[in-house]
C-alpha atoms as a PDB file:
ATOM      1  CA  MET A   1      22.233  15.676 -30.036  1.00  0.00           C
ATOM      2  CA  LYS A   2      24.262  17.420 -27.313  1.00  0.00           C
ATOM      3  CA  LYS A   3      21.473  19.977 -26.877  1.00  0.00           C
ATOM      4  CA  LEU A   4      18.900  17.215 -26.471  1.00  0.00           C
ATOM      5  CA  ALA A   5      21.063  15.388 -23.923  1.00  0.00           C
ATOM      6  CA  SER A   6      21.676  18.650 -22.037  1.00  0.00           C
ATOM      7  CA  PHE A   7      17.969  19.443 -22.023  1.00  0.00           C
ATOM      8  CA  CYS A   8      17.095  15.963 -20.710  1.00  0.00           C
ATOM      9  CA  LEU A   9      19.721  16.265 -17.980  1.00  0.00           C
ATOM     10  CA  LEU A  10      18.432  19.709 -16.989  1.00  0.00           C
ATOM     11  CA  LEU A  11      14.862  18.396 -16.870  1.00  0.00           C
ATOM     12  CA  LEU A  12      15.913  15.464 -14.698  1.00  0.00           C
ATOM     13  CA  ILE A  13      17.823  17.702 -12.277  1.00  0.00           C
ATOM     14  CA  SER A  14      14.977  20.225 -12.010  1.00  0.00           C
ATOM     15  CA  ASN A  15      12.495  17.447 -11.218  1.00  0.00           C
ATOM     16  CA  ALA A  16      14.803  16.167  -8.489  1.00  0.00           C
ATOM     17  CA  LEU A  17      15.178  19.652  -7.004  1.00  0.00           C
ATOM     18  CA  PHE A  18      11.441  20.306  -6.902  1.00  0.00           C
ATOM     19  CA  ALA A  19      10.456  16.851  -5.683  1.00  0.00           C
ATOM     20  CA  GLN A  20       9.111  16.978  -2.165  1.00  0.00           C
ATOM     21  CA  ALA A  21      11.563  15.401   0.236  1.00  0.00           C
ATOM     22  CA  LYS A  22      10.133  12.844   2.643  1.00  0.00           C
ATOM     23  CA  THR A  23      10.349  13.456   6.359  1.00  0.00           C
ATOM     24  CA  PRO A  24      12.186  10.932   8.557  1.00  0.00           C
ATOM     25  CA  LYS A  25       8.754   9.696   9.766  1.00  0.00           C
ATOM     26  CA  GLU A  26       7.620   9.116   6.194  1.00  0.00           C
ATOM     27  CA  VAL A  27      10.834   7.294   5.320  1.00  0.00           C
ATOM     28  CA  ALA A  28      10.418   5.023   8.364  1.00  0.00           C
ATOM     29  CA  VAL A  29       6.758   4.300   7.579  1.00  0.00           C
ATOM     30  CA  GLU A  30       7.518   3.616   3.915  1.00  0.00           C
ATOM     31  CA  LYS A  31      10.108   1.025   4.981  1.00  0.00           C
ATOM     32  CA  GLN A  32       7.318  -0.744   6.862  1.00  0.00           C
ATOM     33  CA  ILE A  33       5.101  -0.586   3.765  1.00  0.00           C
ATOM     34  CA  ASP A  34       7.965  -2.097   1.769  1.00  0.00           C
ATOM     35  CA  ALA A  35       8.114  -4.923   4.339  1.00  0.00           C
ATOM     36  CA  LEU A  36       4.381  -5.506   3.847  1.00  0.00           C
ATOM     37  CA  VAL A  37       4.857  -5.626   0.063  1.00  0.00           C
ATOM     38  CA  ALA A  38       7.773  -8.047   0.509  1.00  0.00           C
ATOM     39  CA  SER A  39       5.588 -10.351   2.637  1.00  0.00           C
ATOM     40  CA  TRP A  40       3.010 -10.394  -0.156  1.00  0.00           C
ATOM     41  CA  ASN A  41       5.513 -11.003  -2.949  1.00  0.00           C
ATOM     42  CA  ASN A  42       7.330 -13.692  -0.922  1.00  0.00           C
ATOM     43  CA  HIS A  43       3.931 -15.221  -0.036  1.00  0.00           C
ATOM     44  CA  ASN A  44       5.097 -15.530   3.550  1.00  0.00           C
ATOM     45  CA  TYR A  45       3.830 -13.530   6.513  1.00  0.00           C
ATOM     46  CA  ASP A  46       6.148 -14.940   9.208  1.00  0.00           C
ATOM     47  CA  ASP A  47       7.633 -11.447   9.612  1.00  0.00           C
ATOM     48  CA  ILE A  48       4.355  -9.592  10.230  1.00  0.00           C
ATOM     49  CA  ALA A  49       5.305  -8.876  13.868  1.00  0.00           C
ATOM     50  CA  ASN A  50       8.079  -6.642  12.502  1.00  0.00           C
ATOM     51  CA  TYR A  51       5.592  -4.198  10.987  1.00  0.00           C
ATOM     52  CA  ALA A  52       2.171  -4.693  12.667  1.00  0.00           C
ATOM     53  CA  THR A  53       0.877  -4.296  16.218  1.00  0.00           C
ATOM     54  CA  GLU A  54      -0.513  -7.308  18.049  1.00  0.00           C
ATOM     55  CA  ASP A  55      -3.967  -5.667  18.123  1.00  0.00           C
ATOM     56  CA  CYS A  56      -3.877  -4.580  14.458  1.00  0.00           C
ATOM     57  CA  ASP A  57      -7.121  -5.028  12.571  1.00  0.00           C
ATOM     58  CA  TRP A  58      -7.651  -5.415   8.836  1.00  0.00           C
ATOM     59  CA  VAL A  59     -10.700  -5.178   6.598  1.00  0.00           C
ATOM     60  CA  ASN A  60      -9.926  -6.794   3.274  1.00  0.00           C
ATOM     61  CA  VAL A  61     -11.260  -5.923  -0.157  1.00  0.00           C
ATOM     62  CA  VAL A  62     -14.372  -8.128   0.229  1.00  0.00           C
ATOM     63  CA  GLY A  63     -15.193  -7.058   3.785  1.00  0.00           C
ATOM     64  CA  MET A  64     -13.548  -9.830   5.807  1.00  0.00           C
ATOM     65  CA  TRP A  65     -12.559  -8.292   9.144  1.00  0.00           C
ATOM     66  CA  TRP A  66      -9.541  -9.747  10.924  1.00  0.00           C
ATOM     67  CA  LYS A  67      -9.250  -8.444  14.469  1.00  0.00           C
ATOM     68  CA  ASN A  68      -5.652  -9.097  15.511  1.00  0.00           C
ATOM     69  CA  ARG A  69      -2.229  -9.834  14.078  1.00  0.00           C
ATOM     70  CA  ARG A  70      -2.657 -13.596  14.527  1.00  0.00           C
ATOM     71  CA  GLU A  71      -5.860 -13.606  12.423  1.00  0.00           C
ATOM     72  CA  ILE A  72      -4.290 -11.325   9.805  1.00  0.00           C
ATOM     73  CA  GLN A  73      -1.240 -13.544   9.463  1.00  0.00           C
ATOM     74  CA  TYR A  74      -3.288 -16.739   9.303  1.00  0.00           C
ATOM     75  CA  ALA A  75      -5.749 -15.405   6.699  1.00  0.00           C
ATOM     76  CA  HIS A  76      -3.021 -13.973   4.486  1.00  0.00           C
ATOM     77  CA  GLN A  77      -0.970 -17.144   4.678  1.00  0.00           C
ATOM     78  CA  ILE A  78      -3.971 -19.310   3.693  1.00  0.00           C
ATOM     79  CA  PHE A  79      -4.806 -17.035   0.762  1.00  0.00           C
ATOM     80  CA  HIS A  80      -1.167 -16.963  -0.359  1.00  0.00           C
ATOM     81  CA  GLU A  81      -0.999 -20.748  -0.360  1.00  0.00           C
ATOM     82  CA  GLY A  82      -4.015 -20.664  -2.688  1.00  0.00           C
ATOM     83  CA  MET A  83      -5.395 -17.869  -4.827  1.00  0.00           C
ATOM     84  CA  PHE A  84      -2.474 -15.447  -4.394  1.00  0.00           C
ATOM     85  CA  LYS A  85       0.243 -18.103  -4.729  1.00  0.00           C
ATOM     86  CA  ASN A  86       1.670 -16.601  -7.940  1.00  0.00           C
ATOM     87  CA  VAL A  87       0.245 -13.076  -7.709  1.00  0.00           C
ATOM     88  CA  THR A  88       2.522 -10.071  -7.327  1.00  0.00           C
ATOM     89  CA  LEU A  89       1.819  -6.701  -5.767  1.00  0.00           C
ATOM     90  CA  THR A  90       3.460  -3.482  -6.971  1.00  0.00           C
ATOM     91  CA  LYS A  91       3.675  -0.226  -5.038  1.00  0.00           C
ATOM     92  CA  LYS A  92       2.380   2.662  -7.177  1.00  0.00           C
ATOM     93  CA  SER A  93       2.177   5.586  -4.758  1.00  0.00           C
ATOM     94  CA  VAL A  94       2.164   6.425  -1.072  1.00  0.00           C
ATOM     95  CA  HIS A  95       0.624   9.553   0.484  1.00  0.00           C
ATOM     96  CA  PHE A  96       1.305  10.402   4.120  1.00  0.00           C
ATOM     97  CA  ARG A  97      -0.571  12.498   6.679  1.00  0.00           C
ATOM     98  CA  ALA A  98       0.773  12.861  10.184  1.00  0.00           C
ATOM     99  CA  VAL A  99      -2.172  13.026  12.579  1.00  0.00           C
ATOM    100  CA  THR A 100      -0.015  13.368  15.694  1.00  0.00           C
ATOM    101  CA  LYS A 101       3.685  12.853  16.333  1.00  0.00           C
ATOM    102  CA  ASP A 102       2.938   9.146  16.913  1.00  0.00           C
ATOM    103  CA  VAL A 103       0.109   8.479  14.416  1.00  0.00           C
ATOM    104  CA  MET A 104       0.384   8.455  10.625  1.00  0.00           C
ATOM    105  CA  VAL A 105      -2.448   7.904   8.137  1.00  0.00           C
ATOM    106  CA  VAL A 106      -1.280   6.581   4.784  1.00  0.00           C
ATOM    107  CA  HIS A 107      -3.036   6.041   1.461  1.00  0.00           C
ATOM    108  CA  PHE A 108      -1.187   3.313  -0.395  1.00  0.00           C
ATOM    109  CA  LEU A 109      -2.042   2.736  -4.057  1.00  0.00           C
ATOM    110  CA  GLN A 110      -0.940  -0.675  -5.265  1.00  0.00           C
ATOM    111  CA  ARG A 111      -1.329  -2.872  -8.330  1.00  0.00           C
ATOM    112  CA  VAL A 112      -2.410  -6.475  -7.719  1.00  0.00           C
ATOM    113  CA  GLY A 113      -2.031  -9.135 -10.398  1.00  0.00           C
ATOM    114  CA  ALA A 114      -4.947 -11.201 -11.714  1.00  0.00           C
ATOM    115  CA  TYR A 115      -6.213 -14.067  -9.566  1.00  0.00           C
ATOM    116  CA  THR A 116      -9.076 -16.530  -9.185  1.00  0.00           C
ATOM    117  CA  SER A 117     -11.035 -16.418  -5.915  1.00  0.00           C
ATOM    118  CA  PRO A 118     -11.870 -19.565  -3.925  1.00  0.00           C
ATOM    119  CA  SER A 119     -15.398 -19.395  -5.425  1.00  0.00           C
ATOM    120  CA  GLY A 120     -13.932 -19.488  -8.951  1.00  0.00           C
ATOM    121  CA  THR A 121     -14.376 -15.817  -9.891  1.00  0.00           C
ATOM    122  CA  LEU A 122     -11.545 -14.481 -12.062  1.00  0.00           C
ATOM    123  CA  TYR A 123     -10.420 -11.013 -10.991  1.00  0.00           C
ATOM    124  CA  PRO A 124      -8.287  -9.097 -13.507  1.00  0.00           C
ATOM    125  CA  GLU A 125      -5.169  -7.165 -12.581  1.00  0.00           C
ATOM    126  CA  ALA A 126      -6.324  -4.001 -10.827  1.00  0.00           C
ATOM    127  CA  ASP A 127      -5.358  -1.118  -8.599  1.00  0.00           C
ATOM    128  CA  ASN A 128      -6.234  -1.338  -4.920  1.00  0.00           C
ATOM    129  CA  LEU A 129      -6.180   1.510  -2.446  1.00  0.00           C
ATOM    130  CA  LYS A 130      -5.261   0.749   1.137  1.00  0.00           C
ATOM    131  CA  LEU A 131      -5.916   3.077   4.049  1.00  0.00           C
ATOM    132  CA  LEU A 132      -3.175   2.305   6.571  1.00  0.00           C
ATOM    133  CA  VAL A 133      -2.867   3.649  10.103  1.00  0.00           C
ATOM    134  CA  PHE A 134       0.576   3.497  11.693  1.00  0.00           C
ATOM    135  CA  VAL A 135       1.443   4.169  15.329  1.00  0.00           C
ATOM    136  CA  LYS A 136       4.857   4.759  16.808  1.00  0.00           C
ATOM    137  CA  LYS A 137       5.639   2.323  19.628  1.00  0.00           C
ATOM    138  CA  ALA A 138       9.052   2.076  21.273  1.00  0.00           C
ATOM    139  CA  GLU A 139      10.564   4.230  18.494  1.00  0.00           C
ATOM    140  CA  LYS A 140       9.208   1.923  15.754  1.00  0.00           C
ATOM    141  CA  TRP A 141       6.354   2.623  13.327  1.00  0.00           C
ATOM    142  CA  LEU A 142       3.846  -0.240  13.312  1.00  0.00           C
ATOM    143  CA  LEU A 143       0.711  -0.871  11.293  1.00  0.00           C
ATOM    144  CA  THR A 144      -2.383  -0.878  13.516  1.00  0.00           C
ATOM    145  CA  ALA A 145      -5.335  -0.680  11.082  1.00  0.00           C
ATOM    146  CA  VAL A 146      -5.930  -1.390   7.384  1.00  0.00           C
ATOM    147  CA  GLU A 147      -8.850  -1.136   5.004  1.00  0.00           C
ATOM    148  CA  ASN A 148      -8.527  -2.122   1.378  1.00  0.00           C
ATOM    149  CA  VAL A 149     -10.722  -1.256  -1.633  1.00  0.00           C
ATOM    150  CA  VAL A 150     -10.556  -2.061  -5.329  1.00  0.00           C
ATOM    151  CA  VAL A 151     -10.199   1.017  -7.517  1.00  0.00           C
ATOM    152  CA  VAL A 152     -12.926   0.689 -10.161  1.00  0.00           C
ATOM    153  CA  GLU A 153     -11.427   2.536 -13.124  1.00  0.00           C
ATOM    154  CA  GLN A 154     -14.761   3.104 -14.907  1.00  0.00           C
ATOM    155  CA  ALA A 155     -16.148   4.779 -11.776  1.00  0.00           C
ATOM    156  CA  GLN A 156     -13.184   7.162 -11.569  1.00  0.00           C
ATOM    157  CA  GLN A 157     -14.498   8.993 -14.645  1.00  0.00           C
ATOM    158  CA  SER A 158     -17.688   9.833 -12.707  1.00  0.00           C
ATOM    159  CA  ASN A 159     -15.909  11.184  -9.640  1.00  0.00           C
ATOM    160  CA  PRO A 160     -17.527  14.610  -9.010  1.00  0.00           C
ATOM    161  CA  VAL A 161     -14.239  15.995  -7.677  1.00  0.00           C
ATOM    162  CA  ASN A 162     -12.811  15.707 -11.201  1.00  0.00           C
ATOM    163  CA  LYS A 163     -15.179  18.540 -12.248  1.00  0.00           C
ATOM    164  CA  MET A 164     -14.941  20.584  -9.066  1.00  0.00           C
ATOM    165  CA  PRO A 165     -14.045  24.241  -9.626  1.00  0.00           C
ATOM    166  CA  LYS A 166     -10.425  25.018  -8.787  1.00  0.00           C
END
């Protein structure tokens, strides 16, 4: 039993040592993503100015295009008073790519609970992938563009990159 416990501890420590440490930029941007997730799970977007630029634009999963922070806040709030009222969002993974010292592109994989659309269509729990663009303004990272897609699990099996030679 002691050997098993020692092995598990060693495995845990080695994973921690080899895990890639996040840069200060990535840590700051991830805090903003956490604020976005909190807005969703609290079903309240009153704090959107804390993490999004005034001219931010957002294309949602069904192609609705909101062209400024005011539209984004309004649309989200309406949807969260209705179809997303009891739906939670879970952060699965975040991948960062610094484009310049003041621009960060992020792929954010999230899990969204099941919901019924305003037209009555039931959507099961699913993964969504957001492409987020952050800009640094006055020493603060702010969201300036978003596009969101549903990850269709059946289609992932047909992704040609899965069979690409290494």
